Protein backbone atom coordinates (compact mmCIF):
# COMPACT_ATOMS: atom_id res chain seq x y z
CA MET A 1 -5.76 -5.81 18.51
CA THR A 2 -2.51 -4.14 17.49
CA GLY A 3 -1.71 -2.46 14.21
CA ILE A 4 1.17 -3.02 11.81
CA ASN A 5 3.56 -0.09 12.13
CA THR A 6 6.17 -1.46 9.75
CA THR A 7 6.71 -4.44 7.49
CA ASN A 8 9.75 -6.64 7.21
CA LEU A 9 9.34 -9.17 4.42
CA LYS A 10 11.98 -11.89 4.20
CA SER A 11 11.22 -12.86 0.59
CA LEU A 12 11.47 -9.42 -1.10
CA LYS A 13 13.82 -6.44 -0.90
CA LYS A 14 12.34 -3.25 0.63
CA ILE A 15 12.92 -0.30 -1.69
CA TYR A 16 11.00 2.47 0.08
CA SER A 17 9.08 3.24 3.24
CA GLY A 18 6.67 6.17 3.02
CA LYS A 19 4.28 7.77 5.47
CA VAL A 20 1.80 4.89 5.19
CA ARG A 21 3.00 2.43 2.53
CA ASP A 22 6.06 0.19 2.27
CA LEU A 23 7.30 -0.79 -1.21
CA TYR A 24 9.13 -4.00 -2.12
CA GLU A 25 10.87 -4.98 -5.34
CA ILE A 26 9.42 -8.01 -7.15
CA ASP A 27 11.27 -7.55 -10.44
CA ASP A 28 12.19 -4.73 -12.83
CA LYS A 29 8.55 -4.27 -13.91
CA ARG A 30 6.59 -4.86 -10.69
CA MET A 31 6.60 -3.93 -7.02
CA LEU A 32 4.57 -4.87 -3.97
CA MET A 33 2.80 -2.00 -2.17
CA ILE A 34 1.78 -2.70 1.42
CA ALA A 35 -0.49 -0.31 3.31
CA THR A 36 0.51 -0.30 6.98
CA ASP A 37 -1.59 0.95 9.86
CA ARG A 38 0.66 4.00 10.38
CA LEU A 39 -1.12 7.29 10.82
CA SER A 40 0.35 10.52 9.53
CA ALA A 41 -0.86 14.02 10.21
CA PHE A 42 0.74 17.08 8.64
CA ASP A 43 3.67 14.93 7.39
CA VAL A 44 4.39 13.50 10.84
CA ILE A 45 4.01 9.78 11.50
CA LEU A 46 2.23 9.32 14.82
CA ASP A 47 3.37 6.71 17.35
CA ASP A 48 0.17 4.69 17.62
CA PRO A 49 -1.11 2.86 14.54
CA ILE A 50 -4.82 2.36 13.83
CA PRO A 51 -5.49 -1.41 13.66
CA ALA A 52 -6.76 -2.58 10.23
CA LYS A 53 -6.32 0.89 8.67
CA GLY A 54 -4.11 -0.52 5.91
CA GLN A 55 -6.63 -3.21 5.06
CA ILE A 56 -9.45 -0.65 4.86
CA LEU A 57 -7.37 1.71 2.68
CA THR A 58 -6.49 -1.16 0.35
CA ALA A 59 -10.12 -2.35 0.09
CA ILE A 60 -11.39 1.16 -0.72
CA SER A 61 -8.63 1.72 -3.30
CA ASN A 62 -9.20 -1.68 -4.92
CA PHE A 63 -12.93 -0.98 -5.17
CA TRP A 64 -12.40 2.30 -7.03
CA PHE A 65 -9.61 0.98 -9.26
CA ASP A 66 -11.86 -1.92 -10.27
CA THR A 67 -14.94 0.29 -10.72
CA LEU A 68 -13.05 2.77 -12.92
CA LYS A 69 -10.81 0.33 -14.82
CA ASP A 70 -12.76 0.88 -18.07
CA VAL A 71 -12.63 4.66 -17.66
CA VAL A 72 -8.96 5.25 -16.82
CA PRO A 73 -5.93 2.93 -16.68
CA ASN A 74 -4.26 2.33 -13.33
CA HIS A 75 -1.03 0.94 -11.90
CA LEU A 76 -2.31 -2.47 -10.78
CA THR A 77 -1.04 -5.59 -12.57
CA GLY A 78 -3.79 -8.01 -11.55
CA ASP A 79 -1.26 -10.32 -9.87
CA LYS A 80 -2.13 -11.54 -6.38
CA PRO A 81 0.16 -10.33 -3.58
CA GLU A 82 0.00 -13.79 -2.00
CA ASP A 83 1.65 -15.24 -5.12
CA VAL A 84 4.82 -13.12 -4.91
CA VAL A 85 5.82 -13.61 -1.26
CA SER A 86 6.83 -16.59 0.85
CA ALA A 87 4.39 -18.35 3.19
CA GLU A 88 6.28 -16.78 6.10
CA ASP A 89 5.44 -13.27 4.79
CA LEU A 90 1.73 -13.89 4.12
CA PRO A 91 0.45 -12.39 7.41
CA GLN A 92 2.04 -9.04 6.49
CA VAL A 93 0.40 -8.80 3.05
CA GLN A 94 -3.04 -10.40 3.34
CA GLY A 95 -5.73 -7.82 2.65
CA ARG A 96 -3.32 -4.88 2.70
CA ALA A 97 -1.09 -5.24 -0.39
CA VAL A 98 -1.27 -4.90 -4.17
CA VAL A 99 1.13 -5.75 -6.98
CA ALA A 100 1.77 -2.57 -8.96
CA LYS A 101 3.63 -1.64 -12.12
CA ARG A 102 6.96 0.09 -11.54
CA LEU A 103 6.37 3.44 -13.20
CA LYS A 104 8.10 6.80 -13.17
CA ALA A 105 6.56 8.96 -10.45
CA VAL A 106 5.13 12.36 -11.28
CA PRO A 107 6.34 14.65 -8.47
CA ILE A 108 3.04 16.32 -7.60
CA GLU A 109 1.63 16.59 -4.11
CA ALA A 110 -1.81 17.86 -3.25
CA VAL A 111 -3.22 18.45 0.21
CA VAL A 112 -6.97 18.60 0.60
CA ARG A 113 -8.46 19.81 3.84
CA GLY A 114 -12.07 20.50 4.55
CA TYR A 115 -14.84 20.49 7.07
CA LEU A 116 -17.78 18.19 7.73
CA ALA A 117 -20.97 20.07 8.38
């Protein structure tokens, strides 16, 4: 099993590639966020991806966004990623993408490090 190191959708324009996620423009109000299997440590992207990492990250995030939706608003639109890409691009988004609102980013970064005992 190999991981997805990068995405290359034919049906949408890529607007950003971060340490783990790739962002694609849907329209002026929405974007597609795809979690790849890239692994970053101390702001360095490592060569070998972890297979299915993006799908696991997306599932965990979706769980918490859904669980807390009545407590705090989030950036998800509720649209299905499969509905905004072509059939050719489906393998790159299934289980690892969300449709998000295009919002102004707040430039804050926090690094949390700890130990397991």
